[in-house]
């Protein structure tokens, strides 16, 4: 391959990486954490003081009492076939609307047989991290952030293609080369190339699926405009008729099958589909109907942890299987494959752990890419006769430190705060956002003021302390009677946080040594006055 072609692609790879790299770091780091959203929810949410769930055969009795006392549950209530620490009740319902949901309530039968209803105050921290991942860290609405994320994903795809072309001439010679020594830039380049090459299939999948997700609404709107224009005209010409009013409590139950009977009928129609929940719905347009969620390990799922189908609650027939694993048509199965590949919702725990590690490796890939660009620019400036670093190089070095470490510290602090924020605060999600963005902005400003060299080790210590606050919170919250501690799967959160804190502390010491003992003209060298 001609040298000038390789140089052109190197320039493209470098500049595209610089433009999109910091945003992609946030997306990959937050995305890696969402691989274990369920353990995180279990860790962050307060346990509920509610009686044990009744058996499935007694659930009809519970539903009857709920609908008799709570008319707000008649429009939609959910029966949970799988219960546990994160879902302790057999029956739950959410008030409000789908666009503006209100609080969720749980119902159980007390030992005396009376109805017990409590409000569930689940922590929204896992959802916040997921939304942060979707919005690549931008503090704007999701609808405004998605097109930006789409453009960044397209740049990401360009970076992948150009990076592969750059690596091709030296692929065989440098494939497994990891040269540790005095040439730090060569070491970072070897690590960057090795990670990029061996995680290439993962990055191709992420780039393609991210673009589809970013323009998901526009694609579906265009499809709907083509396929539904005729139906819309018919609907506009049809006279409107008032539908049936919401029925009294017992009318909503009469004619619908019990949860136990629905489970049996669904198992007959969809063997292998493990049912998790049944939602009974009643509205003026469709009358009694519902939907189910569950998993089938033989197929990919549309949502990160479950598949979904619509049912007739009066007969148990599956009426809509577009999102049900194993029963989709070719078009929906093809679309679901994108969701499955992006979420890692196949293959169980081994795939989720692989995606978690690949996500962290991807974040490191973008971070190391910025480091390499800064080092290359430093050498070019030195050859051109520049005695000191230019302002552009200094600012970019500070942002390369401040943005990733601000993201890490902000996510860790807002997770740790989940056990301390009052569970009954209506604006608790806003508080999680405030904590994250406050830590993020402070870290970026600190890096810009202190410079990349000094702030590098300082912010790494901050990230280590913020991440260590997660297991520390677990230890302190029962002692101070301000929180709670869950056993079982949620201990995974504390273990991963401890390993992360230790890793950041190790990197903080290495960054300090680099600032003191590294080349004096480097952007990572601390000013002479600041060295001991």
Protein backbone atom coordinates (compact mmCIF):
# COMPACT_ATOMS: atom_id res chain seq x y z
CA UNK A 1 0.00 0.00 0.00
CA UNK A 2 1.35 3.42 -0.96
CA UNK A 3 2.76 5.49 1.89
CA UNK A 4 0.72 8.58 1.02
CA UNK A 5 -2.55 6.58 1.18
CA UNK A 6 -1.66 5.19 4.59
CA UNK A 7 -0.77 8.70 5.80
CA UNK A 8 -4.10 10.05 4.60
CA UNK A 9 -6.00 7.35 6.48
CA UNK A 10 -3.88 7.97 9.58
CA UNK A 11 -4.86 11.62 9.50
CA UNK A 12 -8.52 10.71 9.06
CA UNK A 13 -8.30 8.18 11.90
CA UNK A 14 -6.61 10.67 14.22
CA UNK A 15 -8.95 13.60 13.64
CA UNK A 16 -12.12 11.54 13.72
CA UNK A 17 -10.93 9.94 16.94
CA UNK A 18 -10.18 13.33 18.48
CA UNK A 19 -13.62 14.68 17.56
CA UNK A 20 -15.63 11.68 18.76
CA UNK A 21 -13.29 9.95 21.24
CA UNK A 22 -14.29 11.71 24.47
CA UNK A 23 -18.01 11.25 23.84
CA UNK A 24 -17.44 7.60 22.94
CA UNK A 25 -15.49 7.08 26.18
CA UNK A 26 -18.57 8.12 28.17
CA UNK A 27 -20.84 5.93 26.04
CA UNK A 28 -18.62 2.85 26.43
CA UNK A 29 -17.88 3.27 30.12
CA UNK A 30 -21.53 3.87 31.05
CA UNK A 31 -22.61 1.14 28.64
CA UNK A 32 -20.30 -1.37 30.30
CA UNK A 33 -21.95 -0.67 33.66
CA UNK A 34 -25.44 -1.22 32.21
CA UNK A 35 -24.50 -4.84 31.49
CA UNK A 36 -25.29 -5.43 35.17
CA UNK A 37 -28.24 -3.10 35.59
CA UNK A 38 -30.27 -5.70 37.51
CA UNK A 39 -27.64 -6.29 40.25
CA UNK A 40 -27.15 -2.51 40.43
CA UNK A 41 -30.88 -1.94 40.88
CA UNK A 42 -30.93 -4.62 43.57
CA UNK A 43 -27.98 -2.97 45.32
CA UNK A 44 -29.40 0.55 45.14
CA UNK A 45 -33.09 0.00 45.91
CA UNK A 46 -34.38 -0.12 49.47
CA UNK A 47 -36.00 -3.37 50.63
CA UNK A 48 -39.74 -3.16 51.12
CA UNK A 49 -41.56 -4.06 54.30
CA UNK A 50 -44.22 -6.24 52.71
CA UNK A 51 -45.57 -9.72 53.37
CA UNK A 52 -44.24 -12.63 51.27
CA UNK A 53 -45.97 -13.04 47.89
CA UNK A 54 -48.89 -15.49 47.85
CA UNK A 55 -48.83 -18.57 45.69
CA UNK A 56 -49.94 -18.22 42.09
CA UNK A 57 -53.15 -20.09 42.90
CA UNK A 58 -54.07 -17.49 45.55
CA UNK A 59 -53.22 -14.55 43.31
CA UNK A 60 -56.80 -14.23 42.02
CA UNK A 61 -57.91 -13.56 45.60
CA UNK A 62 -55.26 -10.84 45.89
CA UNK A 63 -56.29 -9.25 42.56
CA UNK A 64 -59.94 -9.20 43.61
CA UNK A 65 -59.12 -7.35 46.82
CA UNK A 66 -56.82 -4.90 45.03
CA UNK A 67 -59.45 -3.96 42.44
CA UNK A 68 -62.10 -3.63 45.13
CA UNK A 69 -60.03 -1.12 47.13
CA UNK A 70 -57.77 0.57 44.55
CA UNK A 71 -59.60 1.78 41.42
CA UNK A 72 -56.32 3.27 40.13
CA UNK A 73 -55.14 -0.32 39.45
CA UNK A 74 -58.06 -1.30 37.21
CA UNK A 75 -56.61 0.08 33.96
CA UNK A 76 -53.39 -1.96 34.24
CA UNK A 77 -51.85 -4.19 36.89
CA UNK A 78 -49.02 -6.71 36.66
CA UNK A 79 -48.72 -10.19 38.14
CA UNK A 80 -45.08 -11.19 38.70
CA UNK A 81 -44.34 -14.87 38.37
CA UNK A 82 -40.74 -14.35 39.42
CA UNK A 83 -40.32 -12.53 42.74
CA UNK A 84 -37.21 -11.64 44.69
CA UNK A 85 -35.37 -8.75 46.38
CA UNK A 86 -35.86 -6.43 43.40
CA UNK A 87 -39.49 -7.51 42.85
CA UNK A 88 -40.88 -8.60 46.25
CA UNK A 89 -44.61 -8.50 45.46
CA UNK A 90 -46.85 -10.72 43.38
CA UNK A 91 -48.98 -7.80 42.12
CA UNK A 92 -47.97 -4.25 41.26
CA UNK A 93 -49.29 -1.29 39.29
CA UNK A 94 -48.08 2.14 38.27
CA UNK A 95 -50.22 5.24 38.35
CA UNK A 96 -50.15 8.07 35.84
CA UNK A 97 -49.66 7.53 32.10
CA UNK A 98 -47.01 5.83 29.98
CA UNK A 99 -45.50 9.19 29.04
CA UNK A 100 -45.73 10.56 32.59
CA UNK A 101 -45.70 7.58 34.97
CA UNK A 102 -46.46 8.10 38.62
CA UNK A 103 -45.41 6.04 41.64
CA UNK A 104 -45.56 2.23 41.68
CA UNK A 105 -47.53 0.33 44.30
CA UNK A 106 -47.09 -3.24 45.54
CA UNK A 107 -49.81 -5.49 46.95
CA UNK A 108 -49.70 -8.57 49.15
CA UNK A 109 -51.88 -10.55 51.55
CA UNK A 110 -51.05 -10.08 55.21
CA UNK A 111 -50.93 -13.20 57.42
CA UNK A 112 -54.50 -12.41 58.50
CA UNK A 113 -55.64 -12.41 54.86
CA UNK A 114 -56.18 -8.65 54.66
CA UNK A 115 -54.89 -6.54 51.78
CA UNK A 116 -51.50 -4.86 52.21
CA UNK A 117 -50.53 -2.05 49.81
CA UNK A 118 -47.27 -0.10 49.96
CA UNK A 119 -45.52 2.33 47.65
CA UNK A 120 -42.34 1.09 45.97
CA UNK A 121 -39.48 3.57 45.84
CA UNK A 122 -37.00 1.85 43.53
CA UNK A 123 -33.76 3.67 42.78
CA UNK A 124 -33.49 5.14 39.27
CA UNK A 125 -29.68 5.13 39.26
CA UNK A 126 -29.28 2.22 36.82
CA UNK A 127 -31.71 3.88 34.42
CA UNK A 128 -29.79 7.16 34.75
CA UNK A 129 -26.51 5.45 33.79
CA UNK A 130 -28.25 3.81 30.82
CA UNK A 131 -29.66 7.15 29.62
CA UNK A 132 -26.22 8.74 30.09
CA UNK A 133 -24.83 6.00 27.84
CA UNK A 134 -27.50 6.66 25.21
CA UNK A 135 -26.93 10.43 25.24
CA UNK A 136 -23.08 10.10 25.18
CA UNK A 137 -23.02 12.22 28.33
CA UNK A 138 -24.80 15.28 26.89
CA UNK A 139 -26.96 17.17 29.45
CA UNK A 140 -29.85 17.59 27.00
CA UNK A 141 -33.07 15.75 26.29
CA UNK A 142 -32.87 12.27 24.81
CA UNK A 143 -34.67 13.31 21.62
CA UNK A 144 -32.13 16.09 21.04
CA UNK A 145 -29.15 13.90 21.94
CA UNK A 146 -29.97 10.96 19.68
CA UNK A 147 -29.11 12.68 16.36
CA UNK A 148 -25.84 13.86 17.90
CA UNK A 149 -25.15 10.30 19.01
CA UNK A 150 -25.92 9.14 15.47
CA UNK A 151 -23.34 11.53 13.98
CA UNK A 152 -20.75 10.44 16.57
CA UNK A 153 -21.50 6.80 15.73
CA UNK A 154 -20.93 7.50 12.04
CA UNK A 155 -17.60 9.12 12.87
CA UNK A 156 -16.87 6.07 15.00
CA UNK A 157 -17.45 3.84 11.96
CA UNK A 158 -15.08 6.01 9.90
CA UNK A 159 -12.45 5.70 12.63
CA UNK A 160 -12.78 1.91 12.59
CA UNK A 161 -12.35 1.64 8.82
CA UNK A 162 -9.43 4.08 8.66
CA UNK A 163 -7.75 2.45 11.66
CA UNK A 164 -7.84 -0.98 10.05
CA UNK A 165 -6.35 0.42 6.83
CA UNK A 166 -3.57 2.11 8.82
CA UNK A 167 -2.73 -1.14 10.58
CA UNK A 168 -2.68 -3.36 7.50
CA UNK A 169 0.91 -2.62 6.33
CA UNK A 170 2.43 -3.66 9.68
CA UNK A 171 -0.24 -6.18 10.71
CA UNK A 172 1.90 -9.33 10.64
CA UNK A 173 5.01 -7.74 12.14
CA UNK A 174 3.25 -5.86 14.97
CA UNK A 175 0.28 -8.14 15.66
CA UNK A 176 1.41 -9.43 19.05
CA UNK A 177 4.12 -6.86 19.67
CA UNK A 178 3.96 -5.27 23.13
CA UNK A 179 7.14 -3.26 23.51
CA UNK A 180 7.54 -2.08 27.10
CA UNK A 181 10.47 0.19 27.69
CA UNK A 182 11.61 3.78 27.60
CA UNK A 183 9.53 4.55 24.50
CA UNK A 184 6.19 5.10 26.26
CA UNK A 185 4.47 6.23 23.08
CA UNK A 186 5.37 2.95 21.36
CA UNK A 187 3.94 1.00 24.32
CA UNK A 188 0.64 2.93 24.16
CA UNK A 189 0.49 2.43 20.39
CA UNK A 190 1.01 -1.34 20.73
CA UNK A 191 -1.74 -1.58 23.35
CA UNK A 192 -4.06 0.58 21.24
CA UNK A 193 -3.53 -1.51 18.12
CA UNK A 194 -3.84 -4.84 19.94
CA UNK A 195 -7.09 -3.89 21.65
CA UNK A 196 -8.51 -2.36 18.51
CA UNK A 197 -7.75 -5.34 16.32
CA UNK A 198 -8.95 -8.11 18.61
CA UNK A 199 -12.13 -6.26 19.60
CA UNK A 200 -12.84 -5.24 15.99
CA UNK A 201 -16.00 -7.38 15.56
CA UNK A 202 -17.43 -5.90 18.77
CA UNK A 203 -16.73 -2.35 17.61
CA UNK A 204 -18.26 -2.98 14.17
CA UNK A 205 -21.42 -4.27 15.87
CA UNK A 206 -21.55 -1.27 18.23
CA UNK A 207 -21.04 1.25 15.42
CA UNK A 208 -23.75 -0.20 13.17
CA UNK A 209 -26.32 -0.75 15.91
CA UNK A 210 -25.69 2.66 17.48
CA UNK A 211 -26.43 4.38 14.17
CA UNK A 212 -29.67 2.39 13.85
CA UNK A 213 -30.71 3.27 17.41
CA UNK A 214 -29.88 6.92 16.92
CA UNK A 215 -32.14 7.23 13.87
CA UNK A 216 -34.61 4.60 15.06
CA UNK A 217 -37.56 7.01 15.32
CA UNK A 218 -36.91 8.57 11.92
CA UNK A 219 -36.67 5.14 10.27
CA UNK A 220 -39.91 3.96 11.87
CA UNK A 221 -41.69 7.24 11.11
CA UNK A 222 -40.77 6.93 7.44
CA UNK A 223 -41.86 3.31 7.39
CA UNK A 224 -45.13 4.20 9.09
CA UNK A 225 -45.79 7.06 6.67
CA UNK A 226 -45.47 4.65 3.74
CA UNK A 227 -47.41 1.71 5.13
CA UNK A 228 -50.08 3.43 7.16
CA UNK A 229 -51.12 6.36 5.00
CA UNK A 230 -54.10 4.43 3.65
CA UNK A 231 -55.17 3.26 7.07
CA UNK A 232 -54.87 6.80 8.41
CA UNK A 233 -57.19 8.12 5.72
CA UNK A 234 -59.78 5.49 6.51
CA UNK A 235 -59.51 6.26 10.20
CA UNK A 236 -59.97 9.98 9.58
CA UNK A 237 -63.13 9.34 7.59
CA UNK A 238 -64.60 6.91 10.13
CA UNK A 239 -66.97 8.47 12.66
CA UNK A 240 -65.74 8.42 16.22
CA UNK A 241 -67.65 6.24 18.63
CA UNK A 242 -67.39 6.34 22.39
CA UNK A 243 -65.89 3.14 23.79
CA UNK A 244 -66.98 1.33 26.92
CA UNK A 245 -66.29 3.06 30.19
CA UNK A 246 -63.85 1.63 32.72
CA UNK A 247 -65.76 -1.17 34.41
CA UNK A 248 -66.38 -1.71 38.10
CA UNK A 249 -63.79 -3.80 39.88
CA UNK A 250 -65.35 -7.22 39.45
CA UNK A 251 -66.29 -6.69 35.81
CA UNK A 252 -62.58 -6.18 35.09
CA UNK A 253 -61.89 -9.63 36.55
CA UNK A 254 -64.88 -11.50 35.18
CA UNK A 255 -64.19 -13.12 31.83
CA UNK A 256 -60.41 -13.00 32.21
CA UNK A 257 -58.32 -16.04 33.03
CA UNK A 258 -56.45 -16.44 36.27
CA UNK A 259 -52.65 -16.01 36.20
CA UNK A 260 -52.13 -19.72 36.81
CA UNK A 261 -54.39 -20.66 33.88
CA UNK A 262 -52.76 -18.06 31.61
CA UNK A 263 -49.36 -19.48 32.47
CA UNK A 264 -50.49 -22.96 31.47
CA UNK A 265 -51.99 -21.82 28.17
CA UNK A 266 -48.99 -19.71 27.21
CA UNK A 267 -46.65 -22.60 28.02
CA UNK A 268 -48.65 -24.75 25.59
CA UNK A 269 -48.39 -22.17 22.80
CA UNK A 270 -44.76 -21.17 23.41
CA UNK A 271 -42.78 -24.04 24.93
CA UNK A 272 -39.38 -22.87 26.13
CA UNK A 273 -40.59 -19.32 26.86
CA UNK A 274 -40.07 -18.76 30.61
CA UNK A 275 -42.81 -16.39 31.73
CA UNK A 276 -41.80 -13.57 34.06
CA UNK A 277 -44.88 -11.37 34.28
CA UNK A 278 -48.45 -10.94 33.05
CA UNK A 279 -49.99 -7.47 32.75
CA UNK A 280 -53.78 -7.24 32.68
CA UNK A 281 -55.07 -4.18 30.85
CA UNK A 282 -58.48 -2.63 30.26
CA UNK A 283 -59.15 0.45 28.17
CA UNK A 284 -62.07 2.01 26.37
CA UNK A 285 -60.82 1.07 22.91
CA UNK A 286 -59.79 -2.59 23.25
CA UNK A 287 -61.55 -3.75 26.40
CA UNK A 288 -59.76 -6.53 28.33
CA UNK A 289 -56.33 -7.51 26.99
CA UNK A 290 -52.78 -7.71 28.24
CA UNK A 291 -49.13 -8.48 27.60
CA UNK A 292 -46.48 -10.80 28.96
CA UNK A 293 -42.72 -10.68 29.44
CA UNK A 294 -40.27 -13.56 29.66
CA UNK A 295 -37.10 -15.08 28.30
CA UNK A 296 -36.16 -17.86 25.94
CA UNK A 297 -32.42 -18.61 26.04
CA UNK A 298 -32.54 -20.11 22.55
CA UNK A 299 -33.26 -16.73 20.93
CA UNK A 300 -32.17 -13.11 21.19
CA UNK A 301 -34.39 -10.62 23.00
CA UNK A 302 -35.60 -7.16 21.99
CA UNK A 303 -35.09 -5.66 25.48
CA UNK A 304 -31.83 -6.12 27.40
CA UNK A 305 -33.26 -8.76 29.75
CA UNK A 306 -36.63 -9.94 28.40
CA UNK A 307 -38.94 -10.47 25.42
CA UNK A 308 -42.55 -9.33 25.19
CA UNK A 309 -45.83 -10.42 23.61
CA UNK A 310 -49.46 -9.30 23.57
CA UNK A 311 -52.21 -11.67 24.73
CA UNK A 312 -55.96 -11.95 25.05
CA UNK A 313 -56.52 -12.26 28.81
CA UNK A 314 -59.94 -13.88 28.18
CA UNK A 315 -58.64 -16.81 26.12
CA UNK A 316 -54.90 -16.86 26.74
CA UNK A 317 -54.18 -16.60 23.00
CA UNK A 318 -51.00 -14.80 21.92
CA UNK A 319 -52.27 -11.97 19.72
CA UNK A 320 -49.01 -10.10 19.03
CA UNK A 321 -45.60 -11.78 18.89
CA UNK A 322 -43.54 -9.14 17.08
CA UNK A 323 -41.26 -8.78 20.13
CA UNK A 324 -41.48 -12.38 21.38
CA UNK A 325 -38.29 -14.48 21.09
CA UNK A 326 -38.71 -17.37 18.66
CA UNK A 327 -42.08 -16.27 17.24
CA UNK A 328 -41.10 -13.20 15.21
CA UNK A 329 -41.45 -12.74 11.49
CA UNK A 330 -38.36 -12.21 9.29
CA UNK A 331 -38.49 -8.38 9.47
CA UNK A 332 -38.87 -8.13 13.25
CA UNK A 333 -36.34 -10.93 13.79
CA UNK A 334 -33.82 -8.96 11.73
CA UNK A 335 -34.47 -5.77 13.71
CA UNK A 336 -34.30 -7.67 17.00
CA UNK A 337 -30.88 -9.02 16.02
CA UNK A 338 -29.53 -5.45 16.17
CA UNK A 339 -30.95 -4.96 19.67
CA UNK A 340 -29.65 -8.35 20.78
CA UNK A 341 -26.14 -7.69 19.51
CA UNK A 342 -26.02 -4.23 21.06
CA UNK A 343 -27.42 -5.24 24.47
CA UNK A 344 -25.60 -8.57 24.67
CA UNK A 345 -28.95 -10.18 25.55
CA UNK A 346 -27.91 -13.66 24.49
CA UNK A 347 -25.65 -16.36 25.85
CA UNK A 348 -26.30 -15.54 29.50
CA UNK A 349 -23.66 -14.40 32.03
CA UNK A 350 -20.56 -15.24 29.90
CA UNK A 351 -21.69 -12.86 27.15
CA UNK A 352 -22.62 -10.13 29.61
CA UNK A 353 -19.20 -10.36 31.27
CA UNK A 354 -17.56 -10.30 27.84
CA UNK A 355 -19.52 -7.18 26.88
CA UNK A 356 -18.61 -5.56 30.19
CA UNK A 357 -14.90 -6.14 29.65
CA UNK A 358 -15.08 -5.17 25.97
CA UNK A 359 -16.89 -1.98 26.94
CA UNK A 360 -14.15 -1.03 29.39
CA UNK A 361 -11.52 -1.95 26.78
CA UNK A 362 -13.33 0.24 24.26
CA UNK A 363 -13.28 3.18 26.67
CA UNK A 364 -9.54 2.64 27.13
CA UNK A 365 -9.15 2.48 23.33
CA UNK A 366 -10.56 6.00 22.89
CA UNK A 367 -8.55 7.33 25.83
CA UNK A 368 -5.29 5.88 24.50
CA UNK A 369 -6.10 7.23 21.03
CA UNK A 370 -6.20 10.76 22.41
CA UNK A 371 -2.93 10.19 24.27
CA UNK A 372 -1.22 9.03 21.09
CA UNK A 373 -2.47 12.04 19.14
CA UNK A 374 -1.21 14.44 21.81
CA UNK A 375 2.22 12.76 21.90
CA UNK A 376 2.48 12.89 18.09
CA UNK A 377 1.50 16.56 18.08
CA UNK A 378 4.09 17.29 20.78
CA UNK A 379 6.85 15.79 18.63
CA UNK A 380 5.76 17.71 15.56
CA UNK A 381 5.75 20.97 17.53
CA UNK A 382 9.22 20.23 18.90
CA UNK A 383 10.57 19.51 15.42
CA UNK A 384 9.04 22.78 14.23
CA UNK A 385 11.04 24.64 16.86
CA UNK A 386 8.34 25.21 19.48
CA UNK A 387 9.94 25.49 22.93
CA UNK A 388 6.70 25.17 24.92
CA UNK A 389 3.48 23.31 24.26
CA UNK A 390 0.85 25.21 22.31
CA UNK A 391 -2.41 26.17 23.98
CA UNK A 392 -4.34 23.71 21.80
CA UNK A 393 -2.21 20.79 22.91
CA UNK A 394 -2.46 21.79 26.58
CA UNK A 395 -6.23 22.18 26.43
CA UNK A 396 -6.73 18.90 24.62
CA UNK A 397 -4.48 17.15 27.13
CA UNK A 398 -6.52 18.59 29.99
CA UNK A 399 -9.80 17.52 28.38
CA UNK A 400 -8.40 14.03 27.74
CA UNK A 401 -7.83 13.78 31.49
CA UNK A 402 -10.85 15.70 32.78
CA UNK A 403 -13.66 14.24 30.66
CA UNK A 404 -12.98 10.50 31.19
CA UNK A 405 -12.05 10.83 34.86
CA UNK A 406 -14.95 13.21 35.49
CA UNK A 407 -17.26 10.63 33.94
CA UNK A 408 -15.85 7.84 36.12
CA UNK A 409 -16.00 9.87 39.33
CA UNK A 410 -19.49 11.20 38.56
CA UNK A 411 -20.95 7.75 37.87
CA UNK A 412 -19.35 6.27 40.99
CA UNK A 413 -20.56 9.12 43.22
CA UNK A 414 -24.12 9.03 41.95
CA UNK A 415 -24.25 5.24 42.42
CA UNK A 416 -22.93 5.57 45.99
CA UNK A 417 -25.48 8.31 46.68
CA UNK A 418 -28.36 5.97 45.77
CA UNK A 419 -28.42 4.55 49.31
CA UNK A 420 -28.31 7.97 50.96
CA UNK A 421 -30.84 9.93 48.95
CA UNK A 422 -34.34 9.80 50.52
CA UNK A 423 -36.20 7.04 48.69
CA UNK A 424 -39.51 8.91 48.82
CA UNK A 425 -38.23 12.07 47.10
CA UNK A 426 -40.22 12.66 43.96
CA UNK A 427 -37.26 14.22 42.14
CA UNK A 428 -34.66 11.61 43.05
CA UNK A 429 -33.72 11.08 39.38
CA UNK A 430 -32.92 14.79 39.13
CA UNK A 431 -30.63 14.51 42.14
CA UNK A 432 -28.72 11.67 40.49
CA UNK A 433 -28.26 13.87 37.43
CA UNK A 434 -27.10 16.82 39.54
CA UNK A 435 -24.53 14.72 41.41
CA UNK A 436 -23.08 13.29 38.21
CA UNK A 437 -22.84 16.55 36.28
CA UNK A 438 -21.49 18.47 39.28
CA UNK A 439 -18.65 15.95 39.67
CA UNK A 440 -18.09 15.90 35.91
CA UNK A 441 -17.92 19.69 35.51
CA UNK A 442 -15.68 20.12 38.57
CA UNK A 443 -13.27 17.48 37.22
CA UNK A 444 -13.09 19.10 33.78
CA UNK A 445 -12.54 22.57 35.24
CA UNK A 446 -9.92 21.21 37.62
CA UNK A 447 -8.06 19.60 34.71
CA UNK A 448 -8.17 22.82 32.70
CA UNK A 449 -6.88 24.87 35.64
CA UNK A 450 -4.23 22.47 36.94
CA UNK A 451 -3.11 21.09 33.59
CA UNK A 452 -3.04 17.52 32.34
CA UNK A 453 0.07 16.42 34.25
CA UNK A 454 -0.88 17.53 37.75
CA UNK A 455 -4.61 16.86 37.43
CA UNK A 456 -4.02 13.40 35.96
CA UNK A 457 -2.92 11.80 39.22
CA UNK A 458 -5.22 14.01 41.32
CA UNK A 459 -8.35 13.09 39.39
CA UNK A 460 -7.37 9.43 39.32
CA UNK A 461 -7.25 9.53 43.11
CA UNK A 462 -10.68 11.18 43.02
CA UNK A 463 -12.00 8.39 40.77
CA UNK A 464 -10.50 5.79 43.11
CA UNK A 465 -12.08 7.40 46.18
CA UNK A 466 -15.47 7.83 44.48
CA UNK A 467 -15.48 4.20 43.34
CA UNK A 468 -14.38 2.97 46.79
CA UNK A 469 -17.35 4.91 48.24
CA UNK A 470 -19.68 2.28 46.74
CA UNK A 471 -18.59 -0.68 48.93
CA UNK A 472 -17.91 1.73 51.82
CA UNK A 473 -21.54 2.85 51.60
CA UNK A 474 -22.65 -0.77 51.84
CA UNK A 475 -20.65 -1.16 55.06
CA UNK A 476 -21.72 2.13 56.65
CA UNK A 477 -25.40 2.33 55.74
CA UNK A 478 -26.66 -0.34 58.19
CA UNK A 479 -24.47 1.09 61.00
CA UNK A 480 -25.84 4.60 60.53
CA UNK A 481 -29.39 3.29 59.98
CA UNK A 482 -29.63 5.39 56.83
CA UNK A 483 -29.47 2.65 54.28
CA UNK A 484 -29.50 -1.07 53.73
CA UNK A 485 -27.36 -3.91 52.57
CA UNK A 486 -28.42 -6.71 50.24
CA UNK A 487 -26.76 -10.07 50.04
CA UNK A 488 -26.41 -12.32 47.02
CA UNK A 489 -26.01 -10.96 43.50
CA UNK A 490 -25.77 -7.32 44.61
CA UNK A 491 -22.42 -8.11 46.26
CA UNK A 492 -21.11 -8.21 42.71
CA UNK A 493 -21.45 -4.40 42.64
CA UNK A 494 -19.22 -4.01 45.69
CA UNK A 495 -16.63 -6.48 44.37
CA UNK A 496 -16.33 -4.80 40.96
CA UNK A 497 -16.16 -1.38 42.63
CA UNK A 498 -13.31 -2.53 44.90
CA UNK A 499 -11.35 -3.84 41.92
CA UNK A 500 -12.01 -0.61 40.04
CA UNK A 501 -10.88 1.57 42.96
CA UNK A 502 -7.66 -0.45 43.28
CA UNK A 503 -7.01 -0.09 39.56
CA UNK A 504 -7.53 3.69 39.63
CA UNK A 505 -5.22 4.02 42.65
CA UNK A 506 -2.51 2.06 40.82
CA UNK A 507 -2.89 4.31 37.75
CA UNK A 508 -2.78 7.44 39.95
CA UNK A 509 0.64 6.44 41.29
CA UNK A 510 1.88 5.64 37.77
CA UNK A 511 0.60 9.00 36.48
CA UNK A 512 2.42 10.81 39.28
CA UNK A 513 5.68 9.02 38.50
CA UNK A 514 5.25 9.93 34.82
CA UNK A 515 4.65 13.60 35.72
CA UNK A 516 7.77 13.77 37.88
CA UNK A 517 10.23 11.53 36.02
CA UNK A 518 9.00 11.69 32.43
CA UNK A 519 10.35 13.88 29.60
CA UNK A 520 10.30 17.53 30.65
CA UNK A 521 8.83 18.83 27.38
CA UNK A 522 5.89 16.44 27.54
CA UNK A 523 2.34 17.64 28.14
CA UNK A 524 2.26 15.00 30.91
CA UNK A 525 5.25 16.52 32.74
CA UNK A 526 4.42 18.48 35.89
CA UNK A 527 5.82 22.04 36.08
CA UNK A 528 9.15 22.22 37.86
CA UNK A 529 7.72 24.28 40.70
CA UNK A 530 5.14 21.60 41.41
CA UNK A 531 7.59 18.69 41.60
CA UNK A 532 8.90 17.67 45.02
